[in-house]
Amino acid sequence: MQSYVENVEVAVDMTVGNGFDSKNILEILKPKKLYCFDIQQDALDNSKKLLEDFSNYELILENHRDFDKYVKENIDFAMYNLGYLPKGDKNITTNAVDVEKSLKKLLGKLNKNGVIFITFYIGHLCGQIESAEISRFLKNLEQKEFTVLKFLFENQKNNPPYVVMIQKR
């Protein structure tokens, strides 16, 4: 993160999960404000415990597709960690429709040089479908406005996760 982003005022963790990404954002990027979204109360409860040393964040029980109801400022950094809640119900997963809706809104609110990281988990069917559909969306972003990079493990077996970075020019 720190290699691609500096001077973060507003950051968003679109899929807070157990709070590890949120904690990294708070420790490394030191935003003035971090908004954290998840659809599961367990995720927010786990995150609250992990983030108890911080005060510059807000936990929000809401689907990330509706983040704009809560985040009125423009955004410098956002992160998605797709799939299901680790140690949670594997039937509750993110989905391409919601991710694409939130991305469309997010790209419009992203500041110049702002960055989005998306981690895709393709070791399960929902993740494979989500990856394919979101990849189609990302390939159609205007290259004069956005740079899209894909980071993947070439030598790992069993469908390892990969990360996509989007930066607004």
C-alpha atoms as a PDB file:
ATOM      1  CA  MET A   1       0.000   0.000   0.000  1.00  0.00           C
ATOM      2  CA  GLN A   2       2.576   2.527   1.077  1.00  0.00           C
ATOM      3  CA  SER A   3       4.461   2.079  -2.206  1.00  0.00           C
ATOM      4  CA  TYR A   4       1.510   3.424  -4.176  1.00  0.00           C
ATOM      5  CA  VAL A   5      -0.291   5.839  -1.849  1.00  0.00           C
ATOM      6  CA  GLU A   6       0.676   8.782   0.314  1.00  0.00           C
ATOM      7  CA  ASN A   7      -1.161  11.578   2.118  1.00  0.00           C
ATOM      8  CA  VAL A   8      -4.387   9.677   2.708  1.00  0.00           C
ATOM      9  CA  GLU A   9      -7.204  11.789   4.116  1.00  0.00           C
ATOM     10  CA  VAL A  10     -10.107   9.378   3.543  1.00  0.00           C
ATOM     11  CA  ALA A  11      -9.875   5.610   3.132  1.00  0.00           C
ATOM     12  CA  VAL A  12     -12.532   2.908   2.814  1.00  0.00           C
ATOM     13  CA  ASP A  13     -12.357  -0.784   3.645  1.00  0.00           C
ATOM     14  CA  MET A  14     -15.221  -2.090   1.539  1.00  0.00           C
ATOM     15  CA  THR A  15     -15.159  -5.581   3.072  1.00  0.00           C
ATOM     16  CA  VAL A  16     -13.889  -5.295   6.634  1.00  0.00           C
ATOM     17  CA  GLY A  17     -13.975  -9.024   7.437  1.00  0.00           C
ATOM     18  CA  ASN A  18     -12.057  -9.602  10.649  1.00  0.00           C
ATOM     19  CA  GLY A  19     -10.424  -6.169  10.512  1.00  0.00           C
ATOM     20  CA  PHE A  20      -6.867  -7.043   9.496  1.00  0.00           C
ATOM     21  CA  ASP A  21      -6.907  -4.876   6.358  1.00  0.00           C
ATOM     22  CA  SER A  22      -8.465  -2.029   8.329  1.00  0.00           C
ATOM     23  CA  LYS A  23      -5.727  -2.282  10.944  1.00  0.00           C
ATOM     24  CA  ASN A  24      -3.046  -2.229   8.232  1.00  0.00           C
ATOM     25  CA  ILE A  25      -4.646   0.803   6.605  1.00  0.00           C
ATOM     26  CA  LEU A  26      -4.740   2.638   9.934  1.00  0.00           C
ATOM     27  CA  GLU A  27      -1.161   1.718  10.865  1.00  0.00           C
ATOM     28  CA  ILE A  28       0.505   2.148   7.477  1.00  0.00           C
ATOM     29  CA  LEU A  29      -1.454   4.849   5.629  1.00  0.00           C
ATOM     30  CA  LYS A  30      -2.634   6.739   8.727  1.00  0.00           C
ATOM     31  CA  PRO A  31      -5.775   8.215   7.167  1.00  0.00           C
ATOM     32  CA  LYS A  32      -7.651  10.957   8.960  1.00  0.00           C
ATOM     33  CA  LYS A  33     -10.788   8.834   8.510  1.00  0.00           C
ATOM     34  CA  LEU A  34     -11.379   5.175   7.628  1.00  0.00           C
ATOM     35  CA  TYR A  35     -14.852   3.891   6.785  1.00  0.00           C
ATOM     36  CA  CYS A  36     -15.271   0.121   7.262  1.00  0.00           C
ATOM     37  CA  PHE A  37     -18.172  -1.785   5.677  1.00  0.00           C
ATOM     38  CA  ASP A  38     -19.444  -5.316   6.096  1.00  0.00           C
ATOM     39  CA  ILE A  39     -22.811  -7.053   5.882  1.00  0.00           C
ATOM     40  CA  GLN A  40     -22.144  -9.312   8.875  1.00  0.00           C
ATOM     41  CA  GLN A  41     -22.327  -8.141  12.470  1.00  0.00           C
ATOM     42  CA  ASP A  42     -19.752 -10.794  13.440  1.00  0.00           C
ATOM     43  CA  ALA A  43     -17.242  -9.124  11.130  1.00  0.00           C
ATOM     44  CA  LEU A  44     -17.802  -5.741  12.733  1.00  0.00           C
ATOM     45  CA  ASP A  45     -17.600  -7.210  16.241  1.00  0.00           C
ATOM     46  CA  ASN A  46     -14.299  -8.971  15.426  1.00  0.00           C
ATOM     47  CA  SER A  47     -12.926  -5.785  13.857  1.00  0.00           C
ATOM     48  CA  LYS A  48     -13.928  -3.592  16.787  1.00  0.00           C
ATOM     49  CA  LYS A  49     -11.796  -5.724  19.123  1.00  0.00           C
ATOM     50  CA  LEU A  50      -8.828  -5.579  16.758  1.00  0.00           C
ATOM     51  CA  LEU A  51      -9.101  -1.811  16.241  1.00  0.00           C
ATOM     52  CA  GLU A  52      -9.626  -0.784  19.860  1.00  0.00           C
ATOM     53  CA  ASP A  53      -6.399   1.270  19.885  1.00  0.00           C
ATOM     54  CA  PHE A  54      -7.663   3.536  17.090  1.00  0.00           C
ATOM     55  CA  SER A  55     -10.370   6.190  17.026  1.00  0.00           C
ATOM     56  CA  ASN A  56     -10.303   7.495  13.437  1.00  0.00           C
ATOM     57  CA  TYR A  57     -12.547   4.829  11.933  1.00  0.00           C
ATOM     58  CA  GLU A  58     -16.228   3.999  11.635  1.00  0.00           C
ATOM     59  CA  LEU A  59     -17.682   0.484  11.425  1.00  0.00           C
ATOM     60  CA  ILE A  60     -20.811   0.342   9.262  1.00  0.00           C
ATOM     61  CA  LEU A  61     -23.172  -2.623   8.928  1.00  0.00           C
ATOM     62  CA  GLU A  62     -24.025  -2.149   5.254  1.00  0.00           C
ATOM     63  CA  ASN A  63     -23.321  -3.584   1.833  1.00  0.00           C
ATOM     64  CA  HIS A  64     -20.404  -1.769   0.196  1.00  0.00           C
ATOM     65  CA  ARG A  65     -22.574  -1.048  -2.857  1.00  0.00           C
ATOM     66  CA  ASP A  66     -24.270   1.592  -0.678  1.00  0.00           C
ATOM     67  CA  PHE A  67     -21.100   3.154   0.757  1.00  0.00           C
ATOM     68  CA  ASP A  68     -22.003   6.525  -0.762  1.00  0.00           C
ATOM     69  CA  LYS A  69     -24.850   6.919   1.747  1.00  0.00           C
ATOM     70  CA  TYR A  70     -22.161   7.251   4.439  1.00  0.00           C
ATOM     71  CA  VAL A  71     -19.032   8.531   2.701  1.00  0.00           C
ATOM     72  CA  LYS A  72     -19.614  12.057   1.441  1.00  0.00           C
ATOM     73  CA  GLU A  73     -15.959  13.010   0.957  1.00  0.00           C
ATOM     74  CA  ASN A  74     -13.778  12.096  -2.003  1.00  0.00           C
ATOM     75  CA  ILE A  75     -11.580   9.065  -1.383  1.00  0.00           C
ATOM     76  CA  ASP A  76      -7.819   8.550  -1.538  1.00  0.00           C
ATOM     77  CA  PHE A  77      -7.661   4.808  -0.905  1.00  0.00           C
ATOM     78  CA  ALA A  78     -10.042   1.856  -0.911  1.00  0.00           C
ATOM     79  CA  MET A  79      -9.683  -1.876  -0.445  1.00  0.00           C
ATOM     80  CA  TYR A  80     -11.817  -4.899  -1.219  1.00  0.00           C
ATOM     81  CA  ASN A  81     -10.989  -8.374   0.072  1.00  0.00           C
ATOM     82  CA  LEU A  82     -13.564 -10.448  -1.767  1.00  0.00           C
ATOM     83  CA  GLY A  83     -15.043 -13.828  -0.942  1.00  0.00           C
ATOM     84  CA  TYR A  84     -16.374 -14.943   2.422  1.00  0.00           C
ATOM     85  CA  LEU A  85     -15.565 -14.106   6.026  1.00  0.00           C
ATOM     86  CA  PRO A  86     -12.664 -16.294   7.219  1.00  0.00           C
ATOM     87  CA  LYS A  87     -14.010 -18.779   9.780  1.00  0.00           C
ATOM     88  CA  GLY A  88     -17.505 -17.566   8.885  1.00  0.00           C
ATOM     89  CA  ASP A  89     -20.403 -18.868   6.800  1.00  0.00           C
ATOM     90  CA  LYS A  90     -18.970 -19.749   3.369  1.00  0.00           C
ATOM     91  CA  ASN A  91     -22.426 -19.328   1.844  1.00  0.00           C
ATOM     92  CA  ILE A  92     -22.287 -15.577   2.511  1.00  0.00           C
ATOM     93  CA  THR A  93     -19.953 -14.158  -0.125  1.00  0.00           C
ATOM     94  CA  THR A  94     -19.360 -10.978  -2.021  1.00  0.00           C
ATOM     95  CA  ASN A  95     -20.747 -10.943  -5.556  1.00  0.00           C
ATOM     96  CA  ALA A  96     -19.848  -9.304  -8.835  1.00  0.00           C
ATOM     97  CA  VAL A  97     -23.072  -7.293  -9.114  1.00  0.00           C
ATOM     98  CA  ASP A  98     -22.506  -5.501  -5.794  1.00  0.00           C
ATOM     99  CA  VAL A  99     -18.784  -5.083  -6.401  1.00  0.00           C
ATOM    100  CA  GLU A 100     -19.346  -3.548  -9.826  1.00  0.00           C
ATOM    101  CA  LYS A 101     -22.026  -1.178  -8.485  1.00  0.00           C
ATOM    102  CA  SER A 102     -19.745   0.007  -5.710  1.00  0.00           C
ATOM    103  CA  LEU A 103     -16.748   0.295  -8.037  1.00  0.00           C
ATOM    104  CA  LYS A 104     -18.679   2.517 -10.455  1.00  0.00           C
ATOM    105  CA  LYS A 105     -19.544   4.885  -7.609  1.00  0.00           C
ATOM    106  CA  LEU A 106     -16.076   4.643  -6.075  1.00  0.00           C
ATOM    107  CA  LEU A 107     -14.256   5.474  -9.301  1.00  0.00           C
ATOM    108  CA  GLY A 108     -16.267   8.693  -9.482  1.00  0.00           C
ATOM    109  CA  LYS A 109     -15.317   9.645  -5.904  1.00  0.00           C
ATOM    110  CA  LEU A 110     -11.651   8.665  -6.185  1.00  0.00           C
ATOM    111  CA  ASN A 111      -9.200  11.569  -5.982  1.00  0.00           C
ATOM    112  CA  LYS A 112      -6.451  12.003  -8.568  1.00  0.00           C
ATOM    113  CA  ASN A 113      -3.704   9.435  -7.811  1.00  0.00           C
ATOM    114  CA  GLY A 114      -6.164   7.620  -5.563  1.00  0.00           C
ATOM    115  CA  VAL A 115      -5.769   3.844  -5.374  1.00  0.00           C
ATOM    116  CA  ILE A 116      -8.078   0.848  -5.034  1.00  0.00           C
ATOM    117  CA  PHE A 117      -6.840  -2.643  -4.173  1.00  0.00           C
ATOM    118  CA  ILE A 118      -9.055  -5.664  -4.839  1.00  0.00           C
ATOM    119  CA  THR A 119      -8.058  -9.157  -3.682  1.00  0.00           C
ATOM    120  CA  PHE A 120      -9.770 -11.966  -5.590  1.00  0.00           C
ATOM    121  CA  TYR A 121     -10.049 -15.500  -4.198  1.00  0.00           C
ATOM    122  CA  ILE A 122     -10.605 -17.913  -7.074  1.00  0.00           C
ATOM    123  CA  GLY A 123     -10.342 -21.161  -5.123  1.00  0.00           C
ATOM    124  CA  HIS A 124     -14.142 -21.424  -4.948  1.00  0.00           C
ATOM    125  CA  LEU A 125     -16.840 -21.179  -7.633  1.00  0.00           C
ATOM    126  CA  CYS A 126     -18.325 -17.861  -6.464  1.00  0.00           C
ATOM    127  CA  GLY A 127     -14.849 -16.332  -6.496  1.00  0.00           C
ATOM    128  CA  GLN A 128     -14.152 -17.571 -10.019  1.00  0.00           C
ATOM    129  CA  ILE A 129     -17.394 -16.083 -11.326  1.00  0.00           C
ATOM    130  CA  GLU A 130     -16.772 -12.817  -9.488  1.00  0.00           C
ATOM    131  CA  SER A 131     -13.221 -12.636 -10.839  1.00  0.00           C
ATOM    132  CA  ALA A 132     -14.318 -13.160 -14.440  1.00  0.00           C
ATOM    133  CA  GLU A 133     -17.137 -10.610 -14.287  1.00  0.00           C
ATOM    134  CA  ILE A 134     -15.144  -7.897 -12.522  1.00  0.00           C
ATOM    135  CA  SER A 135     -12.182  -8.462 -14.861  1.00  0.00           C
ATOM    136  CA  ARG A 136     -14.463  -7.710 -17.825  1.00  0.00           C
ATOM    137  CA  PHE A 137     -15.523  -4.484 -16.142  1.00  0.00           C
ATOM    138  CA  LEU A 138     -11.935  -3.450 -15.344  1.00  0.00           C
ATOM    139  CA  LYS A 139     -10.701  -4.136 -18.885  1.00  0.00           C
ATOM    140  CA  ASN A 140     -13.161  -1.533 -20.155  1.00  0.00           C
ATOM    141  CA  LEU A 141     -11.978   1.293 -17.906  1.00  0.00           C
ATOM    142  CA  GLU A 142     -10.621   4.223 -19.891  1.00  0.00           C
ATOM    143  CA  GLN A 143      -6.818   3.915 -19.882  1.00  0.00           C
ATOM    144  CA  LYS A 144      -6.391   7.687 -20.009  1.00  0.00           C
ATOM    145  CA  GLU A 145      -8.235   7.940 -16.678  1.00  0.00           C
ATOM    146  CA  PHE A 146      -7.176   4.764 -14.843  1.00  0.00           C
ATOM    147  CA  THR A 147      -4.198   2.437 -14.614  1.00  0.00           C
ATOM    148  CA  VAL A 148      -5.162  -1.160 -13.804  1.00  0.00           C
ATOM    149  CA  LEU A 149      -2.457  -3.598 -12.674  1.00  0.00           C
ATOM    150  CA  LYS A 150      -2.799  -7.272 -11.787  1.00  0.00           C
ATOM    151  CA  PHE A 151      -0.472  -8.934  -9.266  1.00  0.00           C
ATOM    152  CA  LEU A 152      -0.508 -12.729  -9.221  1.00  0.00           C
ATOM    153  CA  PHE A 153       1.462 -15.727  -8.057  1.00  0.00           C
ATOM    154  CA  GLU A 154       2.729 -17.542 -11.142  1.00  0.00           C
ATOM    155  CA  ASN A 155       4.244 -20.489  -9.269  1.00  0.00           C
ATOM    156  CA  GLN A 156       1.561 -21.323  -6.680  1.00  0.00           C
ATOM    157  CA  LYS A 157      -0.869 -24.197  -7.073  1.00  0.00           C
ATOM    158  CA  ASN A 158      -4.568 -24.537  -6.299  1.00  0.00           C
ATOM    159  CA  ASN A 159      -5.918 -21.247  -7.649  1.00  0.00           C
ATOM    160  CA  PRO A 160      -4.041 -18.754  -5.454  1.00  0.00           C
ATOM    161  CA  PRO A 161      -5.588 -15.338  -4.805  1.00  0.00           C
ATOM    162  CA  TYR A 162      -4.494 -12.355  -6.843  1.00  0.00           C
ATOM    163  CA  VAL A 163      -4.663  -8.592  -6.401  1.00  0.00           C
ATOM    164  CA  VAL A 164      -5.740  -5.872  -8.794  1.00  0.00           C
ATOM    165  CA  MET A 165      -4.708  -2.257  -8.264  1.00  0.00           C
ATOM    166  CA  ILE A 166      -6.578   0.615  -9.871  1.00  0.00           C
ATOM    167  CA  GLN A 167      -5.074   4.088  -9.805  1.00  0.00           C
ATOM    168  CA  LYS A 168      -6.804   7.234 -11.010  1.00  0.00           C
ATOM    169  CA  ARG A 169      -4.635   9.417 -13.210  1.00  0.00           C
END
